Amino acid sequence: MKNVIEQLEKMDIGKIDYDVPLSKYTTYRVGGIAAAMIYPKNVDSLKKLLQILKANNIRFKVLGFGSNLLFSSKRYDGVIIRLDQFDDVEFLTPYKLRVGAGYSLVKLSMQVAKRGLAGLEFASGIPGTVGGAIFMNAGAYNSDMGYIVQDVTVLTPDLRVIKLENKEMNFHYRTSFLKTHPDYICLEAVIRLDKGNKTAIEEVIRDRRKRRMESQPLNYPSAGSVFRNPEGMFAGKMIEDLGLKGFSIGGAKVSEKHANFIINYDHATAEDIKKLIEYVQKRVKEECQVELKAEQELVNWE
């Protein structure tokens, strides 16, 4: 792999960091060391990078803000790809914009609110990138990315740039075409919003921020809601009813503030968090006959 990285350095495809602690790049603040982290400068650089990685059978993972991932503590002997340079925003019409996959979803929600554009209020507290949010169809308050995305430009496994319309993205609750086809990489998206009242939109955002601070353990590292809500039920209530609030394994704990949050409250390892997720799933399965599905993606556990 060292020879491959040296080859990439000569090609000047973007910044390369070595032996990167993934705990600095995930919201759980856990994870092992990645051999390399590369920031491609543009689509052509990304294509060249992927060509070389695939030709040399080097594993890779595209990482946004790490808000829905759980890396193991093992060394990741591969390349983490960051699309931080894919962060431009262009308003195509007063109500339609094109935004890069690396752009902050929170920043975008605040930016469009100032323009009096409605439809992205739900995202004001989701700490991810636009690409990551589209990948998992992030949502809150009975809305999600599927409601506002018009089309998505992606890089295919054979390195073609194509556009997928909303219906082709197959958006459903916390999933999308990209999640079921992880070899496709989101590059940018066109988002449609509606005309709204700036004051009313900003009031909604303020009210929801207040509610989050009151109901969620924002003072500890976490990855947001751990489990999807089963149809017609709330995962948090089921976990709370089983008396699991405050239950801990190692440094990981079921939040006493919101039972569908697992927090890193005392130098937890990734393994602590995974064991706690599995314990909660086991208890809910045994006592409620319901299989809770975790929202977080497990990486480097095999």
Protein backbone atom coordinates (compact mmCIF):
# COMPACT_ATOMS: atom_id res chain seq x y z
CA MET A 1 0.00 0.00 0.00
CA LYS A 2 2.91 2.35 0.70
CA ASN A 3 3.94 2.24 -2.97
CA VAL A 4 0.40 3.06 -4.05
CA ILE A 5 0.21 6.07 -1.72
CA GLU A 6 3.54 7.32 -3.05
CA GLN A 7 2.11 7.02 -6.56
CA LEU A 8 -0.95 9.03 -5.51
CA GLU A 9 1.25 11.73 -3.98
CA LYS A 10 3.02 12.20 -7.30
CA MET A 11 -0.33 12.60 -9.06
CA ASP A 12 -1.30 15.52 -6.80
CA ILE A 13 -4.93 14.46 -6.49
CA GLY A 14 -5.39 16.18 -3.14
CA LYS A 15 -4.28 16.31 0.47
CA ILE A 16 -3.17 13.02 2.05
CA ASP A 17 -2.92 12.39 5.80
CA TYR A 18 -1.39 9.25 7.31
CA ASP A 19 -2.22 7.15 10.38
CA VAL A 20 -5.36 9.12 11.13
CA PRO A 21 -7.26 8.43 14.38
CA LEU A 22 -10.87 7.90 13.30
CA SER A 23 -12.04 8.93 16.76
CA LYS A 24 -11.49 12.52 15.61
CA TYR A 25 -13.79 12.05 12.63
CA THR A 26 -16.80 10.26 14.11
CA THR A 27 -19.44 11.73 16.42
CA TYR A 28 -19.16 8.76 18.80
CA ARG A 29 -15.47 9.73 19.17
CA VAL A 30 -14.33 6.13 18.80
CA GLY A 31 -12.56 4.05 16.15
CA GLY A 32 -9.14 2.81 15.20
CA ILE A 33 -6.37 4.28 13.08
CA ALA A 34 -6.87 4.66 9.32
CA ALA A 35 -3.78 4.08 7.21
CA ALA A 36 -4.56 7.11 5.05
CA MET A 37 -7.18 9.83 4.63
CA ILE A 38 -7.37 11.49 1.22
CA TYR A 39 -9.22 14.65 0.17
CA PRO A 40 -9.73 14.59 -3.64
CA LYS A 41 -9.71 18.05 -5.20
CA ASN A 42 -12.46 17.37 -7.74
CA VAL A 43 -14.33 14.64 -9.61
CA ASP A 44 -11.39 13.86 -11.90
CA SER A 45 -9.10 13.45 -8.88
CA LEU A 46 -11.68 11.19 -7.25
CA LYS A 47 -11.86 9.03 -10.39
CA LYS A 48 -8.07 8.69 -10.56
CA LEU A 49 -7.94 7.80 -6.88
CA LEU A 50 -10.59 5.11 -7.22
CA GLN A 51 -8.99 3.67 -10.35
CA ILE A 52 -5.74 3.12 -8.49
CA LEU A 53 -7.34 1.83 -5.30
CA LYS A 54 -9.47 -0.66 -7.19
CA ALA A 55 -6.59 -1.78 -9.40
CA ASN A 56 -4.52 -2.52 -6.31
CA ASN A 57 -7.37 -4.07 -4.28
CA ILE A 58 -7.07 -1.44 -1.56
CA ARG A 59 -10.18 -1.01 0.55
CA PHE A 60 -11.72 2.43 0.89
CA LYS A 61 -14.61 4.20 2.58
CA VAL A 62 -16.18 7.57 1.81
CA LEU A 63 -16.64 9.45 5.08
CA GLY A 64 -18.67 12.59 5.71
CA PHE A 65 -18.94 13.92 9.25
CA GLY A 66 -19.04 10.40 10.71
CA SER A 67 -22.40 10.96 12.39
CA ASN A 68 -23.92 7.58 11.60
CA LEU A 69 -20.94 5.22 11.60
CA LEU A 70 -19.38 2.91 14.15
CA PHE A 71 -15.79 1.99 13.26
CA SER A 72 -14.17 -0.80 15.24
CA SER A 73 -11.01 -0.11 17.25
CA LYS A 74 -8.95 -2.15 14.79
CA ARG A 75 -6.62 -0.46 12.33
CA TYR A 76 -8.37 0.38 9.07
CA ASP A 77 -5.76 -0.78 6.58
CA GLY A 78 -7.16 1.20 3.69
CA VAL A 79 -8.08 4.70 2.55
CA ILE A 80 -10.72 6.99 4.00
CA ILE A 81 -12.00 9.37 1.32
CA ARG A 82 -13.26 12.79 2.40
CA LEU A 83 -15.28 14.93 -0.02
CA ASP A 84 -14.68 18.20 1.84
CA GLN A 85 -13.80 19.93 -1.44
CA PHE A 86 -17.24 19.05 -2.85
CA ASP A 87 -18.82 21.89 -0.91
CA ASP A 88 -20.14 24.44 -3.39
CA VAL A 89 -23.71 25.77 -3.44
CA GLU A 90 -25.41 27.34 -6.44
CA PHE A 91 -28.97 28.68 -6.54
CA LEU A 92 -30.41 27.66 -9.90
CA THR A 93 -33.73 29.40 -9.31
CA PRO A 94 -35.12 31.24 -6.27
CA TYR A 95 -36.39 27.89 -4.93
CA LYS A 96 -33.96 25.35 -6.37
CA LEU A 97 -30.28 24.86 -5.58
CA ARG A 98 -27.39 22.58 -6.44
CA VAL A 99 -25.20 21.58 -3.51
CA GLY A 100 -22.06 19.45 -3.19
CA ALA A 101 -22.03 16.21 -1.21
CA GLY A 102 -19.48 17.55 1.28
CA TYR A 103 -21.56 20.54 2.36
CA SER A 104 -22.81 20.69 5.95
CA LEU A 105 -26.52 19.90 6.20
CA VAL A 106 -26.95 22.13 9.27
CA LYS A 107 -25.19 25.01 7.52
CA LEU A 108 -27.39 24.56 4.45
CA SER A 109 -30.58 24.51 6.51
CA MET A 110 -29.63 27.80 8.17
CA GLN A 111 -28.58 29.34 4.86
CA VAL A 112 -31.88 28.63 3.13
CA ALA A 113 -33.87 29.71 6.21
CA LYS A 114 -32.30 33.16 5.91
CA ARG A 115 -33.63 33.28 2.35
CA GLY A 116 -37.12 32.44 3.53
CA LEU A 117 -37.08 29.00 1.91
CA ALA A 118 -39.12 26.27 3.57
CA GLY A 119 -38.64 22.51 3.50
CA LEU A 120 -35.27 21.99 5.16
CA GLU A 121 -36.19 22.95 8.72
CA PHE A 122 -36.12 19.28 9.75
CA ALA A 123 -32.37 19.15 9.04
CA SER A 124 -31.29 22.01 11.28
CA GLY A 125 -30.15 19.57 13.98
CA ILE A 126 -28.73 16.75 11.84
CA PRO A 127 -24.91 16.91 12.08
CA GLY A 128 -23.97 15.36 8.75
CA THR A 129 -23.05 16.23 5.20
CA VAL A 130 -25.53 16.51 2.35
CA GLY A 131 -24.08 13.33 0.81
CA GLY A 132 -24.38 11.37 4.03
CA ALA A 133 -27.93 12.61 4.58
CA ILE A 134 -28.96 11.51 1.10
CA PHE A 135 -27.22 8.15 1.53
CA MET A 136 -29.31 7.27 4.59
CA ASN A 137 -32.31 9.49 3.78
CA ALA A 138 -31.85 11.40 7.00
CA GLY A 139 -34.94 12.91 8.48
CA ALA A 140 -36.80 14.25 11.50
CA TYR A 141 -40.19 15.71 12.35
CA ASN A 142 -42.02 13.62 9.73
CA SER A 143 -39.84 14.80 6.87
CA ASP A 144 -36.65 13.59 5.20
CA MET A 145 -34.33 14.17 2.25
CA GLY A 146 -36.64 12.24 -0.07
CA TYR A 147 -39.17 15.07 0.11
CA ILE A 148 -36.80 17.77 -1.12
CA VAL A 149 -34.22 16.09 -3.41
CA GLN A 150 -34.99 16.51 -7.12
CA ASP A 151 -32.02 14.54 -8.44
CA VAL A 152 -28.61 13.27 -7.37
CA THR A 153 -25.40 13.21 -9.38
CA VAL A 154 -23.42 10.07 -8.57
CA LEU A 155 -20.21 8.33 -9.55
CA THR A 156 -20.96 4.75 -10.60
CA PRO A 157 -18.78 1.71 -9.75
CA ASP A 158 -17.35 1.88 -13.27
CA LEU A 159 -16.52 5.58 -12.73
CA ARG A 160 -19.21 7.16 -14.88
CA VAL A 161 -20.94 10.33 -13.70
CA ILE A 162 -24.72 9.93 -14.01
CA LYS A 163 -27.82 11.61 -12.65
CA LEU A 164 -30.50 9.75 -10.70
CA GLU A 165 -33.96 11.30 -10.45
CA ASN A 166 -35.84 11.28 -7.17
CA LYS A 167 -37.89 8.20 -8.05
CA GLU A 168 -34.72 6.32 -9.02
CA MET A 169 -33.20 7.11 -5.62
CA ASN A 170 -35.79 4.83 -3.98
CA PHE A 171 -36.04 6.94 -0.83
CA HIS A 172 -37.71 5.17 2.08
CA TYR A 173 -37.46 5.41 5.85
CA ARG A 174 -33.73 5.78 6.61
CA THR A 175 -32.61 4.22 3.36
CA SER A 176 -32.08 4.99 -0.32
CA PHE A 177 -30.65 3.55 -3.53
CA LEU A 178 -27.19 4.64 -2.36
CA LYS A 179 -27.45 2.74 0.91
CA THR A 180 -28.39 -0.45 -0.92
CA HIS A 181 -25.77 0.22 -3.62
CA PRO A 182 -22.77 1.52 -1.61
CA ASP A 183 -20.43 1.35 -4.62
CA TYR A 184 -22.17 4.45 -5.96
CA ILE A 185 -20.84 7.75 -4.58
CA CYS A 186 -22.95 10.89 -4.17
CA LEU A 187 -21.25 13.91 -5.74
CA GLU A 188 -23.95 16.56 -5.58
CA ALA A 189 -27.71 17.03 -5.53
CA VAL A 190 -30.38 19.42 -6.71
CA ILE A 191 -32.79 20.35 -3.92
CA ARG A 192 -36.25 21.88 -4.33
CA LEU A 193 -37.67 24.09 -1.61
CA ASP A 194 -40.76 26.25 -1.20
CA LYS A 195 -41.38 29.90 -0.57
CA GLY A 196 -41.95 30.48 3.12
CA ASN A 197 -41.98 33.14 5.80
CA LYS A 198 -38.44 33.79 7.02
CA THR A 199 -39.53 34.73 10.55
CA ALA A 200 -41.78 31.68 10.87
CA ILE A 201 -39.07 29.33 9.54
CA GLU A 202 -36.45 30.67 11.93
CA GLU A 203 -38.91 30.37 14.82
CA VAL A 204 -39.49 26.69 13.96
CA ILE A 205 -35.74 26.11 13.93
CA ARG A 206 -35.28 27.87 17.29
CA ASP A 207 -38.15 25.91 18.84
CA ARG A 208 -36.74 22.59 17.63
CA ARG A 209 -33.26 23.45 18.85
CA LYS A 210 -34.75 24.17 22.29
CA ARG A 211 -36.61 20.85 22.24
CA ARG A 212 -33.44 18.97 21.26
CA MET A 213 -31.45 20.54 24.06
CA GLU A 214 -34.16 19.62 26.56
CA SER A 215 -34.69 16.05 25.36
CA GLN A 216 -31.37 14.87 23.90
CA PRO A 217 -27.95 14.28 25.54
CA LEU A 218 -26.10 16.78 23.38
CA ASN A 219 -23.31 17.21 25.96
CA TYR A 220 -21.95 13.70 25.24
CA PRO A 221 -20.60 12.13 22.04
CA SER A 222 -23.29 10.07 20.32
CA ALA A 223 -24.60 9.25 16.86
CA GLY A 224 -28.14 10.49 17.38
CA SER A 225 -30.97 7.98 17.42
CA VAL A 226 -29.49 4.49 17.53
CA PHE A 227 -32.51 2.48 16.38
CA ARG A 228 -35.12 2.94 13.71
CA ASN A 229 -38.65 3.27 15.00
CA PRO A 230 -40.58 0.05 14.28
CA GLU A 231 -43.79 0.74 12.39
CA GLY A 232 -46.36 2.25 14.74
CA MET A 233 -43.95 2.26 17.71
CA PHE A 234 -41.15 4.33 19.21
CA ALA A 235 -37.85 2.60 19.89
CA GLY A 236 -36.99 4.99 22.70
CA LYS A 237 -40.20 4.26 24.61
CA MET A 238 -39.72 0.51 24.28
CA ILE A 239 -36.17 0.77 25.66
CA GLU A 240 -37.27 3.09 28.47
CA ASP A 241 -40.17 0.79 29.43
CA LEU A 242 -37.66 -2.03 29.89
CA GLY A 243 -35.82 0.06 32.47
CA LEU A 244 -32.69 0.39 30.36
CA LYS A 245 -32.14 4.12 30.75
CA GLY A 246 -28.73 4.53 32.37
CA PHE A 247 -27.68 0.94 31.65
CA SER A 248 -24.02 0.84 30.68
CA ILE A 249 -21.36 -1.45 29.29
CA GLY A 250 -17.84 -0.14 29.77
CA GLY A 251 -17.88 3.56 28.96
CA ALA A 252 -21.03 3.38 26.83
CA LYS A 253 -24.41 4.15 28.34
CA VAL A 254 -28.07 4.27 27.32
CA SER A 255 -28.84 7.94 27.83
CA GLU A 256 -30.92 8.80 30.88
CA LYS A 257 -32.29 11.73 28.91
CA HIS A 258 -33.41 9.85 25.78
CA ALA A 259 -33.42 6.05 25.69
CA ASN A 260 -32.81 5.86 21.93
CA PHE A 261 -29.42 7.51 22.37
CA ILE A 262 -26.27 5.65 23.35
CA ILE A 263 -23.63 8.01 24.64
CA ASN A 264 -19.87 7.82 25.06
CA TYR A 265 -19.94 9.04 28.64
CA ASP A 266 -16.61 7.69 29.95
CA HIS A 267 -13.94 6.93 27.33
CA ALA A 268 -16.02 4.21 25.69
CA THR A 269 -14.49 1.99 23.06
CA ALA A 270 -16.26 1.11 19.83
CA GLU A 271 -16.62 -2.40 21.23
CA ASP A 272 -18.43 -1.06 24.33
CA ILE A 273 -20.93 0.72 22.10
CA LYS A 274 -21.48 -2.27 19.83
CA LYS A 275 -22.02 -4.60 22.81
CA LEU A 276 -24.55 -2.17 24.28
CA ILE A 277 -26.43 -1.89 20.97
CA GLU A 278 -26.61 -5.67 20.78
CA TYR A 279 -27.68 -6.00 24.43
CA VAL A 280 -30.57 -3.56 23.91
CA GLN A 281 -31.63 -5.40 20.75
CA LYS A 282 -31.54 -8.72 22.63
CA ARG A 283 -33.65 -7.44 25.52
CA VAL A 284 -36.26 -5.86 23.24
CA LYS A 285 -36.43 -9.03 21.14
CA GLU A 286 -36.86 -11.24 24.22
CA GLU A 287 -39.40 -9.11 26.03
CA CYS A 288 -41.28 -7.32 23.24
CA GLN A 289 -40.82 -9.73 20.30
CA VAL A 290 -39.60 -6.80 18.21
CA GLU A 291 -36.35 -6.67 16.27
CA LEU A 292 -34.82 -3.22 16.56
CA LYS A 293 -32.74 -2.21 13.56
CA ALA A 294 -29.74 0.00 14.24
CA GLU A 295 -29.37 3.13 12.12
CA GLN A 296 -25.59 3.16 12.51
CA GLU A 297 -23.42 1.48 9.88
CA LEU A 298 -20.77 -0.87 11.24
CA VAL A 299 -17.38 -0.49 9.55
CA ASN A 300 -14.21 -2.62 9.85
CA TRP A 301 -15.65 -5.30 12.14
CA GLU A 302 -15.05 -8.33 9.94
